[in-house]
Amino acid sequence: MSVDRVASNAQAQILLQQIMQASSRMNTAQQQVASGKVSSDYAGIGGKTSALEAARASAARADAYQSATKTALAQVDLQDTQLSQLSAVAEQLHQAMLTAAGNNDATGMMDAVKSVFDQASAVLNSKDANGNYLFGGDKDDQPPFNVTSLSQLASLTDVSQAFSNGTQKKSVMIGDGQSVQIGVLASDVGTKLMQTLKDIASFDAGPTGSFDATLTGAQAAFLSGELPAAKDASAGLNFANASNGITYNRLSDASDQQQALNTLYKGFVSNIEDVDMGTAITQLNESQTALQAALQVTAQLGQISLLNYLPN
């Protein structure tokens, strides 16, 4: 005859349930340690899912704004270099005219005028890293300054004919509903300087021109009348350069703010989805120990029968 085991079916079911729970906790802890995440799906996040997605979306927006702002900073920085050069050549023109008027001698002045034209033309038609014309506005695929010589400039009916740039200045979004205008148009910064150059070249080509020696009365009068325009052109470029610097500072501040927001939002995401590695490892070790204990008890229980308790 057979001897029944001491363990009942109910006890076996309880032990089996404990084994399954310990195994589940161990698997979860193993996944957390391996991935560094609380859960691989939203079910494991629970009620924090909406907060997690909102933080992720905000971090992504901050990333996008910061990327656009950094690109804009590079353009504004390049504009600073070019505007500084344009301002410098405008002052060269002003000084050359002052020297000629002060010495009553225009020897070498037209060489300086031609040099200023060449340098200014190069600046106005400068390109960015992508090959687009820096001062072209919404027409950055064609040279914004279309005149190639001082004589051609002098022949124009109006100086505005020398410019082919667009009318829309480039802008960048630095935040929700926040836009900063960063573009500079060739016609805005070059018109006064080119008007002065055109006036000088036209007078030099006229019957009382030919600036190459001691000034005549007509030449002296012309230079005296033109000097304020040259000074105004130089001052205007200094102002444009300063305004560009203000734009750079604003973009730089925006970039710092975007970085701070990005760090904040990613911190929110990390707090929700990233596991505390020390706690996860502890839970893994505890789950492994609990599972091993449950398996040992089950194995021992299965080997016990009434014969263990009968007297010899």
C-alpha atoms as a PDB file:
ATOM      1  CA  MET A   1       0.000   0.000   0.000  1.00  0.00           C
ATOM      2  CA  SER A   2       1.147   3.590  -0.717  1.00  0.00           C
ATOM      3  CA  VAL A   3       1.880   6.222   1.949  1.00  0.00           C
ATOM      4  CA  ASP A   4       0.424   9.717   1.327  1.00  0.00           C
ATOM      5  CA  ARG A   5       2.741  12.730   1.428  1.00  0.00           C
ATOM      6  CA  VAL A   6       2.426  15.224   4.226  1.00  0.00           C
ATOM      7  CA  ALA A   7       2.231  18.185   1.787  1.00  0.00           C
ATOM      8  CA  SER A   8      -1.261  19.017   0.635  1.00  0.00           C
ATOM      9  CA  ASN A   9      -2.212  20.292  -2.813  1.00  0.00           C
ATOM     10  CA  ALA A  10      -3.051  23.727  -1.301  1.00  0.00           C
ATOM     11  CA  GLN A  11       0.443  24.031   0.169  1.00  0.00           C
ATOM     12  CA  ALA A  12       1.964  23.154  -3.191  1.00  0.00           C
ATOM     13  CA  GLN A  13      -0.104  25.815  -4.906  1.00  0.00           C
ATOM     14  CA  ILE A  14       1.022  28.442  -2.373  1.00  0.00           C
ATOM     15  CA  LEU A  15       4.649  27.551  -2.903  1.00  0.00           C
ATOM     16  CA  LEU A  16       4.205  27.593  -6.684  1.00  0.00           C
ATOM     17  CA  GLN A  17       2.669  31.051  -6.479  1.00  0.00           C
ATOM     18  CA  GLN A  18       5.602  32.280  -4.398  1.00  0.00           C
ATOM     19  CA  ILE A  19       8.036  30.874  -6.949  1.00  0.00           C
ATOM     20  CA  MET A  20       6.246  32.622  -9.814  1.00  0.00           C
ATOM     21  CA  GLN A  21       6.192  35.948  -7.948  1.00  0.00           C
ATOM     22  CA  ALA A  22       9.868  35.696  -7.050  1.00  0.00           C
ATOM     23  CA  SER A  23      10.701  34.766 -10.642  1.00  0.00           C
ATOM     24  CA  SER A  24       8.700  37.733 -11.970  1.00  0.00           C
ATOM     25  CA  ARG A  25      10.410  40.147  -9.581  1.00  0.00           C
ATOM     26  CA  MET A  26      13.797  38.757 -10.549  1.00  0.00           C
ATOM     27  CA  ASN A  27      13.076  39.103 -14.288  1.00  0.00           C
ATOM     28  CA  THR A  28      11.932  42.707 -13.789  1.00  0.00           C
ATOM     29  CA  ALA A  29      15.049  43.517 -11.769  1.00  0.00           C
ATOM     30  CA  GLN A  30      17.273  41.853 -14.382  1.00  0.00           C
ATOM     31  CA  GLN A  31      15.686  43.963 -17.157  1.00  0.00           C
ATOM     32  CA  GLN A  32      16.114  47.137 -15.113  1.00  0.00           C
ATOM     33  CA  VAL A  33      19.779  46.436 -14.405  1.00  0.00           C
ATOM     34  CA  ALA A  34      20.437  45.556 -18.067  1.00  0.00           C
ATOM     35  CA  SER A  35      18.581  48.534 -19.587  1.00  0.00           C
ATOM     36  CA  GLY A  36      18.905  51.151 -16.875  1.00  0.00           C
ATOM     37  CA  LYS A  37      15.183  51.863 -17.324  1.00  0.00           C
ATOM     38  CA  VAL A  38      12.277  51.347 -14.955  1.00  0.00           C
ATOM     39  CA  SER A  39      10.313  49.602 -17.694  1.00  0.00           C
ATOM     40  CA  SER A  40      10.478  48.797 -21.399  1.00  0.00           C
ATOM     41  CA  ASP A  41       6.823  49.757 -21.918  1.00  0.00           C
ATOM     42  CA  TYR A  42       4.283  52.267 -20.679  1.00  0.00           C
ATOM     43  CA  ALA A  43       2.602  49.679 -18.456  1.00  0.00           C
ATOM     44  CA  GLY A  44       5.601  49.738 -16.172  1.00  0.00           C
ATOM     45  CA  ILE A  45       5.506  53.548 -15.976  1.00  0.00           C
ATOM     46  CA  GLY A  46       1.877  53.600 -14.899  1.00  0.00           C
ATOM     47  CA  GLY A  47       0.286  56.957 -14.094  1.00  0.00           C
ATOM     48  CA  LYS A  48       3.446  58.862 -14.948  1.00  0.00           C
ATOM     49  CA  THR A  49       3.140  58.135 -18.692  1.00  0.00           C
ATOM     50  CA  SER A  50       1.551  61.475 -19.619  1.00  0.00           C
ATOM     51  CA  ALA A  51       4.146  63.405 -17.610  1.00  0.00           C
ATOM     52  CA  LEU A  52       6.928  61.412 -19.282  1.00  0.00           C
ATOM     53  CA  GLU A  53       5.672  62.147 -22.794  1.00  0.00           C
ATOM     54  CA  ALA A  54       5.174  65.836 -22.003  1.00  0.00           C
ATOM     55  CA  ALA A  55       8.749  66.078 -20.692  1.00  0.00           C
ATOM     56  CA  ARG A  56      10.107  64.246 -23.751  1.00  0.00           C
ATOM     57  CA  ALA A  57       8.230  66.574 -26.124  1.00  0.00           C
ATOM     58  CA  SER A  58       9.485  69.651 -24.282  1.00  0.00           C
ATOM     59  CA  ALA A  59      13.063  68.368 -24.367  1.00  0.00           C
ATOM     60  CA  ALA A  60      12.780  67.700 -28.106  1.00  0.00           C
ATOM     61  CA  ARG A  61      11.497  71.245 -28.725  1.00  0.00           C
ATOM     62  CA  ALA A  62      14.326  72.721 -26.681  1.00  0.00           C
ATOM     63  CA  ASP A  63      16.793  70.622 -28.708  1.00  0.00           C
ATOM     64  CA  ALA A  64      15.325  71.870 -32.000  1.00  0.00           C
ATOM     65  CA  TYR A  65      15.337  75.511 -30.903  1.00  0.00           C
ATOM     66  CA  GLN A  66      18.904  75.246 -29.673  1.00  0.00           C
ATOM     67  CA  SER A  67      20.079  73.688 -32.937  1.00  0.00           C
ATOM     68  CA  ALA A  68      18.432  76.500 -34.937  1.00  0.00           C
ATOM     69  CA  THR A  69      19.867  79.115 -32.587  1.00  0.00           C
ATOM     70  CA  LYS A  70      23.400  77.745 -32.921  1.00  0.00           C
ATOM     71  CA  THR A  71      23.101  77.923 -36.714  1.00  0.00           C
ATOM     72  CA  ALA A  72      21.867  81.510 -36.425  1.00  0.00           C
ATOM     73  CA  LEU A  73      24.762  82.370 -34.097  1.00  0.00           C
ATOM     74  CA  ALA A  74      27.222  81.143 -36.710  1.00  0.00           C
ATOM     75  CA  GLN A  75      25.605  83.365 -39.351  1.00  0.00           C
ATOM     76  CA  VAL A  76      25.490  86.431 -37.115  1.00  0.00           C
ATOM     77  CA  ASP A  77      29.110  85.876 -36.140  1.00  0.00           C
ATOM     78  CA  LEU A  78      30.081  85.758 -39.814  1.00  0.00           C
ATOM     79  CA  GLN A  79      28.042  88.906 -40.428  1.00  0.00           C
ATOM     80  CA  ASP A  80      29.989  90.592 -37.643  1.00  0.00           C
ATOM     81  CA  THR A  81      33.264  89.825 -39.417  1.00  0.00           C
ATOM     82  CA  GLN A  82      32.008  91.134 -42.753  1.00  0.00           C
ATOM     83  CA  LEU A  83      30.289  94.220 -41.331  1.00  0.00           C
ATOM     84  CA  SER A  84      33.423  95.104 -39.378  1.00  0.00           C
ATOM     85  CA  GLN A  85      35.402  94.955 -42.597  1.00  0.00           C
ATOM     86  CA  LEU A  86      32.809  97.011 -44.462  1.00  0.00           C
ATOM     87  CA  SER A  87      32.845  99.600 -41.685  1.00  0.00           C
ATOM     88  CA  ALA A  88      36.635  99.733 -41.851  1.00  0.00           C
ATOM     89  CA  VAL A  89      36.744 100.341 -45.613  1.00  0.00           C
ATOM     90  CA  ALA A  90      34.079 103.041 -45.294  1.00  0.00           C
ATOM     91  CA  GLU A  91      36.298 104.799 -42.786  1.00  0.00           C
ATOM     92  CA  GLN A  92      39.250 104.374 -45.171  1.00  0.00           C
ATOM     93  CA  LEU A  93      37.259 106.270 -47.798  1.00  0.00           C
ATOM     94  CA  HIS A  94      36.367 108.998 -45.318  1.00  0.00           C
ATOM     95  CA  GLN A  95      40.002 109.386 -44.263  1.00  0.00           C
ATOM     96  CA  ALA A  96      41.249 109.456 -47.880  1.00  0.00           C
ATOM     97  CA  MET A  97      38.823 112.280 -48.640  1.00  0.00           C
ATOM     98  CA  LEU A  98      39.786 114.155 -45.469  1.00  0.00           C
ATOM     99  CA  THR A  99      43.471 113.849 -46.337  1.00  0.00           C
ATOM    100  CA  ALA A 100      42.949 115.105 -49.893  1.00  0.00           C
ATOM    101  CA  ALA A 101      40.828 118.017 -48.712  1.00  0.00           C
ATOM    102  CA  GLY A 102      43.217 118.859 -45.874  1.00  0.00           C
ATOM    103  CA  ASN A 103      46.313 118.771 -48.093  1.00  0.00           C
ATOM    104  CA  ASN A 104      44.528 120.328 -51.053  1.00  0.00           C
ATOM    105  CA  ASP A 105      46.002 117.453 -53.045  1.00  0.00           C
ATOM    106  CA  ALA A 106      44.102 114.450 -54.408  1.00  0.00           C
ATOM    107  CA  THR A 107      47.147 112.445 -55.510  1.00  0.00           C
ATOM    108  CA  GLY A 108      46.405 108.770 -54.842  1.00  0.00           C
ATOM    109  CA  MET A 109      42.845 109.427 -53.704  1.00  0.00           C
ATOM    110  CA  MET A 110      41.207 107.643 -56.629  1.00  0.00           C
ATOM    111  CA  ASP A 111      43.387 104.586 -56.032  1.00  0.00           C
ATOM    112  CA  ALA A 112      41.994 104.510 -52.503  1.00  0.00           C
ATOM    113  CA  VAL A 113      38.453 104.948 -53.853  1.00  0.00           C
ATOM    114  CA  LYS A 114      38.866 102.018 -56.249  1.00  0.00           C
ATOM    115  CA  SER A 115      40.328  99.860 -53.461  1.00  0.00           C
ATOM    116  CA  VAL A 116      37.366 100.666 -51.225  1.00  0.00           C
ATOM    117  CA  PHE A 117      34.958  99.739 -54.026  1.00  0.00           C
ATOM    118  CA  ASP A 118      36.678  96.386 -54.614  1.00  0.00           C
ATOM    119  CA  GLN A 119      36.737  95.512 -50.907  1.00  0.00           C
ATOM    120  CA  ALA A 120      33.149  96.620 -50.321  1.00  0.00           C
ATOM    121  CA  SER A 121      31.925  94.661 -53.354  1.00  0.00           C
ATOM    122  CA  ALA A 122      33.587  91.504 -52.027  1.00  0.00           C
ATOM    123  CA  VAL A 123      32.015  91.950 -48.601  1.00  0.00           C
ATOM    124  CA  LEU A 124      28.519  92.577 -49.969  1.00  0.00           C
ATOM    125  CA  ASN A 125      28.779  89.409 -52.078  1.00  0.00           C
ATOM    126  CA  SER A 126      30.290  87.232 -49.328  1.00  0.00           C
ATOM    127  CA  LYS A 127      28.843  83.754 -48.766  1.00  0.00           C
ATOM    128  CA  ASP A 128      28.100  81.630 -45.730  1.00  0.00           C
ATOM    129  CA  ALA A 129      29.341  78.088 -45.066  1.00  0.00           C
ATOM    130  CA  ASN A 130      26.557  76.654 -47.251  1.00  0.00           C
ATOM    131  CA  GLY A 131      27.469  78.790 -50.251  1.00  0.00           C
ATOM    132  CA  ASN A 132      24.506  81.147 -49.850  1.00  0.00           C
ATOM    133  CA  TYR A 133      24.995  84.897 -50.195  1.00  0.00           C
ATOM    134  CA  LEU A 134      25.154  86.278 -46.673  1.00  0.00           C
ATOM    135  CA  PHE A 135      23.431  89.597 -47.430  1.00  0.00           C
ATOM    136  CA  GLY A 136      20.990  88.320 -50.046  1.00  0.00           C
ATOM    137  CA  GLY A 137      17.911  88.000 -47.835  1.00  0.00           C
ATOM    138  CA  ASP A 138      15.303  85.761 -49.457  1.00  0.00           C
ATOM    139  CA  LYS A 139      17.336  85.811 -52.697  1.00  0.00           C
ATOM    140  CA  ASP A 140      20.487  84.238 -51.331  1.00  0.00           C
ATOM    141  CA  ASP A 141      21.213  82.213 -54.479  1.00  0.00           C
ATOM    142  CA  GLN A 142      22.403  85.225 -56.508  1.00  0.00           C
ATOM    143  CA  PRO A 143      24.907  88.042 -55.870  1.00  0.00           C
ATOM    144  CA  PRO A 144      23.126  90.847 -53.985  1.00  0.00           C
ATOM    145  CA  PHE A 145      25.531  93.429 -55.437  1.00  0.00           C
ATOM    146  CA  ASN A 146      25.565  93.208 -59.230  1.00  0.00           C
ATOM    147  CA  VAL A 147      28.097  95.884 -60.233  1.00  0.00           C
ATOM    148  CA  THR A 148      31.608  94.768 -61.086  1.00  0.00           C
ATOM    149  CA  SER A 149      33.501  98.045 -61.574  1.00  0.00           C
ATOM    150  CA  LEU A 150      33.580 101.611 -60.292  1.00  0.00           C
ATOM    151  CA  SER A 151      32.926 102.946 -63.775  1.00  0.00           C
ATOM    152  CA  GLN A 152      29.842 100.748 -64.077  1.00  0.00           C
ATOM    153  CA  LEU A 153      28.599 102.074 -60.744  1.00  0.00           C
ATOM    154  CA  ALA A 154      29.101 105.659 -61.966  1.00  0.00           C
ATOM    155  CA  SER A 155      27.068 104.956 -65.093  1.00  0.00           C
ATOM    156  CA  LEU A 156      23.931 103.880 -63.212  1.00  0.00           C
ATOM    157  CA  THR A 157      20.934 106.197 -63.143  1.00  0.00           C
ATOM    158  CA  ASP A 158      20.310 105.330 -59.497  1.00  0.00           C
ATOM    159  CA  VAL A 159      22.507 103.495 -57.001  1.00  0.00           C
ATOM    160  CA  SER A 160      19.611 101.189 -56.108  1.00  0.00           C
ATOM    161  CA  GLN A 161      20.132  99.506 -59.488  1.00  0.00           C
ATOM    162  CA  ALA A 162      23.378  98.056 -58.114  1.00  0.00           C
ATOM    163  CA  PHE A 163      21.520  95.835 -55.628  1.00  0.00           C
ATOM    164  CA  SER A 164      19.681  92.611 -56.436  1.00  0.00           C
ATOM    165  CA  ASN A 165      19.072  91.255 -52.938  1.00  0.00           C
ATOM    166  CA  GLY A 166      15.673  90.206 -51.693  1.00  0.00           C
ATOM    167  CA  THR A 167      13.488  92.219 -49.366  1.00  0.00           C
ATOM    168  CA  GLN A 168      12.858  89.640 -46.638  1.00  0.00           C
ATOM    169  CA  LYS A 169      15.409  89.401 -43.837  1.00  0.00           C
ATOM    170  CA  LYS A 170      16.075  85.973 -42.360  1.00  0.00           C
ATOM    171  CA  SER A 171      14.699  85.152 -38.915  1.00  0.00           C
ATOM    172  CA  VAL A 172      15.035  82.269 -36.481  1.00  0.00           C
ATOM    173  CA  MET A 173      12.628  80.816 -33.922  1.00  0.00           C
ATOM    174  CA  ILE A 174      14.281  80.665 -30.506  1.00  0.00           C
ATOM    175  CA  GLY A 175      11.226  79.510 -28.549  1.00  0.00           C
ATOM    176  CA  ASP A 176       7.474  79.065 -28.724  1.00  0.00           C
ATOM    177  CA  GLY A 177       6.214  82.263 -30.363  1.00  0.00           C
ATOM    178  CA  GLN A 178       9.659  83.908 -30.138  1.00  0.00           C
ATOM    179  CA  SER A 179      11.356  84.975 -33.366  1.00  0.00           C
ATOM    180  CA  VAL A 180      14.592  86.940 -33.800  1.00  0.00           C
ATOM    181  CA  GLN A 181      15.470  88.734 -37.032  1.00  0.00           C
ATOM    182  CA  ILE A 182      19.073  87.918 -37.898  1.00  0.00           C
ATOM    183  CA  GLY A 183      19.391  88.785 -41.589  1.00  0.00           C
ATOM    184  CA  VAL A 184      21.096  91.860 -42.997  1.00  0.00           C
ATOM    185  CA  LEU A 185      20.450  93.076 -46.546  1.00  0.00           C
ATOM    186  CA  ALA A 186      23.218  94.309 -48.834  1.00  0.00           C
ATOM    187  CA  SER A 187      21.128  97.311 -49.884  1.00  0.00           C
ATOM    188  CA  ASP A 188      20.572  98.323 -46.262  1.00  0.00           C
ATOM    189  CA  VAL A 189      24.261  98.418 -45.360  1.00  0.00           C
ATOM    190  CA  GLY A 190      25.787  99.239 -48.740  1.00  0.00           C
ATOM    191  CA  THR A 191      23.633 101.960 -50.274  1.00  0.00           C
ATOM    192  CA  LYS A 192      25.163 105.015 -48.539  1.00  0.00           C
ATOM    193  CA  LEU A 193      28.728 103.852 -49.133  1.00  0.00           C
ATOM    194  CA  MET A 194      28.066 103.026 -52.775  1.00  0.00           C
ATOM    195  CA  GLN A 195      26.270 106.348 -53.261  1.00  0.00           C
ATOM    196  CA  THR A 196      29.379 108.187 -52.046  1.00  0.00           C
ATOM    197  CA  LEU A 197      31.612 106.092 -54.300  1.00  0.00           C
ATOM    198  CA  LYS A 198      29.266 106.709 -57.227  1.00  0.00           C
ATOM    199  CA  ASP A 199      29.301 110.463 -56.609  1.00  0.00           C
ATOM    200  CA  ILE A 200      33.105 110.582 -56.509  1.00  0.00           C
ATOM    201  CA  ALA A 201      33.513 108.385 -59.600  1.00  0.00           C
ATOM    202  CA  SER A 202      30.943 110.421 -61.542  1.00  0.00           C
ATOM    203  CA  PHE A 203      32.616 113.711 -60.608  1.00  0.00           C
ATOM    204  CA  ASP A 204      36.077 112.317 -61.414  1.00  0.00           C
ATOM    205  CA  ALA A 205      34.856 111.289 -64.873  1.00  0.00           C
ATOM    206  CA  GLY A 206      33.296 114.725 -65.508  1.00  0.00           C
ATOM    207  CA  PRO A 207      34.781 117.878 -66.998  1.00  0.00           C
ATOM    208  CA  THR A 208      35.971 119.289 -63.643  1.00  0.00           C
ATOM    209  CA  GLY A 209      37.105 115.953 -62.200  1.00  0.00           C
ATOM    210  CA  SER A 210      40.318 113.982 -62.602  1.00  0.00           C
ATOM    211  CA  PHE A 211      41.448 113.790 -58.977  1.00  0.00           C
ATOM    212  CA  ASP A 212      45.196 113.274 -59.458  1.00  0.00           C
ATOM    213  CA  ALA A 213      47.015 116.375 -58.240  1.00  0.00           C
ATOM    214  CA  THR A 214      46.422 119.722 -56.554  1.00  0.00           C
ATOM    215  CA  LEU A 215      42.726 120.332 -56.062  1.00  0.00           C
ATOM    216  CA  THR A 216      40.952 122.905 -58.177  1.00  0.00           C
ATOM    217  CA  GLY A 217      38.353 125.141 -56.608  1.00  0.00           C
ATOM    218  CA  ALA A 218      35.558 122.967 -57.981  1.00  0.00           C
ATOM    219  CA  GLN A 219      37.208 119.789 -56.706  1.00  0.00           C
ATOM    220  CA  ALA A 220      37.787 121.249 -53.259  1.00  0.00           C
ATOM    221  CA  ALA A 221      34.162 122.377 -53.109  1.00  0.00           C
ATOM    222  CA  PHE A 222      32.954 118.940 -54.187  1.00  0.00           C
ATOM    223  CA  LEU A 223      35.005 117.113 -51.549  1.00  0.00           C
ATOM    224  CA  SER A 224      33.882 119.550 -48.870  1.00  0.00           C
ATOM    225  CA  GLY A 225      30.256 118.889 -49.787  1.00  0.00           C
ATOM    226  CA  GLU A 226      30.742 115.109 -50.031  1.00  0.00           C
ATOM    227  CA  LEU A 227      32.601 114.594 -46.747  1.00  0.00           C
ATOM    228  CA  PRO A 228      29.425 114.608 -44.578  1.00  0.00           C
ATOM    229  CA  ALA A 229      27.961 111.845 -46.754  1.00  0.00           C
ATOM    230  CA  ALA A 230      31.123 109.769 -46.382  1.00  0.00           C
ATOM    231  CA  LYS A 231      31.095 110.279 -42.630  1.00  0.00           C
ATOM    232  CA  ASP A 232      27.394 109.342 -42.488  1.00  0.00           C
ATOM    233  CA  ALA A 233      28.070 106.148 -44.471  1.00  0.00           C
ATOM    234  CA  SER A 234      30.822 105.183 -42.038  1.00  0.00           C
ATOM    235  CA  ALA A 235      28.655 105.945 -39.003  1.00  0.00           C
ATOM    236  CA  GLY A 236      25.754 103.981 -40.480  1.00  0.00           C
ATOM    237  CA  LEU A 237      27.930 100.902 -40.885  1.00  0.00           C
ATOM    238  CA  ASN A 238      29.197 101.227 -37.323  1.00  0.00           C
ATOM    239  CA  PHE A 239      25.582 101.274 -36.158  1.00  0.00           C
ATOM    240  CA  ALA A 240      24.728  98.228 -38.302  1.00  0.00           C
ATOM    241  CA  ASN A 241      27.686  96.367 -36.829  1.00  0.00           C
ATOM    242  CA  ALA A 242      26.627  97.282 -33.286  1.00  0.00           C
ATOM    243  CA  SER A 243      23.038  96.167 -33.981  1.00  0.00           C
ATOM    244  CA  ASN A 244      24.354  92.854 -35.267  1.00  0.00           C
ATOM    245  CA  GLY A 245      26.313  92.485 -32.016  1.00  0.00           C
ATOM    246  CA  ILE A 246      23.144  93.040 -29.996  1.00  0.00           C
ATOM    247  CA  THR A 247      21.444  90.308 -32.020  1.00  0.00           C
ATOM    248  CA  TYR A 248      24.365  87.968 -31.316  1.00  0.00           C
ATOM    249  CA  ASN A 249      24.100  88.592 -27.570  1.00  0.00           C
ATOM    250  CA  ARG A 250      20.367  87.939 -27.634  1.00  0.00           C
ATOM    251  CA  LEU A 251      20.873  84.663 -29.469  1.00  0.00           C
ATOM    252  CA  SER A 252      23.644  83.657 -27.086  1.00  0.00           C
ATOM    253  CA  ASP A 253      21.377  84.294 -24.087  1.00  0.00           C
ATOM    254  CA  ALA A 254      18.606  82.298 -25.773  1.00  0.00           C
ATOM    255  CA  SER A 255      20.997  79.402 -26.395  1.00  0.00           C
ATOM    256  CA  ASP A 256      21.981  79.338 -22.714  1.00  0.00           C
ATOM    257  CA  GLN A 257      18.323  79.343 -21.694  1.00  0.00           C
ATOM    258  CA  GLN A 258      17.518  76.559 -24.150  1.00  0.00           C
ATOM    259  CA  GLN A 259      20.360  74.464 -22.742  1.00  0.00           C
ATOM    260  CA  ALA A 260      19.074  74.995 -19.211  1.00  0.00           C
ATOM    261  CA  LEU A 261      15.540  74.002 -20.238  1.00  0.00           C
ATOM    262  CA  ASN A 262      16.849  70.999 -22.134  1.00  0.00           C
ATOM    263  CA  THR A 263      18.746  69.822 -19.052  1.00  0.00           C
ATOM    264  CA  LEU A 264      15.668  70.396 -16.879  1.00  0.00           C
ATOM    265  CA  TYR A 265      13.313  68.470 -19.167  1.00  0.00           C
ATOM    266  CA  LYS A 266      15.731  65.587 -19.623  1.00  0.00           C
ATOM    267  CA  GLY A 267      16.076  65.487 -15.848  1.00  0.00           C
ATOM    268  CA  PHE A 268      12.296  65.046 -15.611  1.00  0.00           C
ATOM    269  CA  VAL A 269      12.464  62.214 -18.136  1.00  0.00           C
ATOM    270  CA  SER A 270      15.327  60.561 -16.279  1.00  0.00           C
ATOM    271  CA  ASN A 271      13.528  60.793 -12.936  1.00  0.00           C
ATOM    272  CA  ILE A 272      10.556  58.951 -14.406  1.00  0.00           C
ATOM    273  CA  GLU A 273      12.102  56.311 -16.667  1.00  0.00           C
ATOM    274  CA  ASP A 274      15.644  55.762 -15.373  1.00  0.00           C
ATOM    275  CA  VAL A 275      16.085  53.216 -12.625  1.00  0.00           C
ATOM    276  CA  ASP A 276      18.161  53.738  -9.489  1.00  0.00           C
ATOM    277  CA  MET A 277      20.892  51.238 -10.310  1.00  0.00           C
ATOM    278  CA  GLY A 278      21.868  50.596  -6.686  1.00  0.00           C
ATOM    279  CA  THR A 279      18.269  49.850  -5.728  1.00  0.00           C
ATOM    280  CA  ALA A 280      17.742  47.680  -8.827  1.00  0.00           C
ATOM    281  CA  ILE A 281      20.819  45.548  -8.081  1.00  0.00           C
ATOM    282  CA  THR A 282      19.710  45.118  -4.466  1.00  0.00           C
ATOM    283  CA  GLN A 283      16.234  44.053  -5.624  1.00  0.00           C
ATOM    284  CA  LEU A 284      17.782  41.614  -8.108  1.00  0.00           C
ATOM    285  CA  ASN A 285      19.894  39.994  -5.417  1.00  0.00           C
ATOM    286  CA  GLU A 286      16.927  39.796  -3.031  1.00  0.00           C
ATOM    287  CA  SER A 287      14.705  38.297  -5.746  1.00  0.00           C
ATOM    288  CA  GLN A 288      17.338  35.690  -6.632  1.00  0.00           C
ATOM    289  CA  THR A 289      17.679  34.739  -2.966  1.00  0.00           C
ATOM    290  CA  ALA A 290      13.899  34.526  -2.493  1.00  0.00           C
ATOM    291  CA  LEU A 291      13.490  32.378  -5.612  1.00  0.00           C
ATOM    292  CA  GLN A 292      16.279  30.042  -4.605  1.00  0.00           C
ATOM    293  CA  ALA A 293      14.758  29.632  -1.109  1.00  0.00           C
ATOM    294  CA  ALA A 294      11.304  28.920  -2.514  1.00  0.00           C
ATOM    295  CA  LEU A 295      12.676  26.290  -4.879  1.00  0.00           C
ATOM    296  CA  GLN A 296      14.602  24.588  -2.091  1.00  0.00           C
ATOM    297  CA  VAL A 297      11.541  24.478   0.202  1.00  0.00           C
ATOM    298  CA  THR A 298       9.441  23.048  -2.596  1.00  0.00           C
ATOM    299  CA  ALA A 299      12.010  20.368  -3.342  1.00  0.00           C
ATOM    300  CA  GLN A 300      12.295  19.419   0.331  1.00  0.00           C
ATOM    301  CA  LEU A 301       8.548  19.401   0.812  1.00  0.00           C
ATOM    302  CA  GLY A 302       8.117  17.028  -2.109  1.00  0.00           C
ATOM    303  CA  GLN A 303      10.430  14.484  -0.449  1.00  0.00           C
ATOM    304  CA  ILE A 304       8.627  14.394   2.948  1.00  0.00           C
ATOM    305  CA  SER A 305       6.139  11.556   3.683  1.00  0.00           C
ATOM    306  CA  LEU A 306       4.471  10.013   6.784  1.00  0.00           C
ATOM    307  CA  LEU A 307       7.321   7.543   6.985  1.00  0.00           C
ATOM    308  CA  ASN A 308       9.540  10.363   8.192  1.00  0.00           C
ATOM    309  CA  TYR A 309       7.386  10.603  11.335  1.00  0.00           C
ATOM    310  CA  LEU A 310       6.653   6.862  12.089  1.00  0.00           C
ATOM    311  CA  PRO A 311       8.626   5.268  14.895  1.00  0.00           C
ATOM    312  CA  ASN A 312      11.210   2.693  13.888  1.00  0.00           C
END
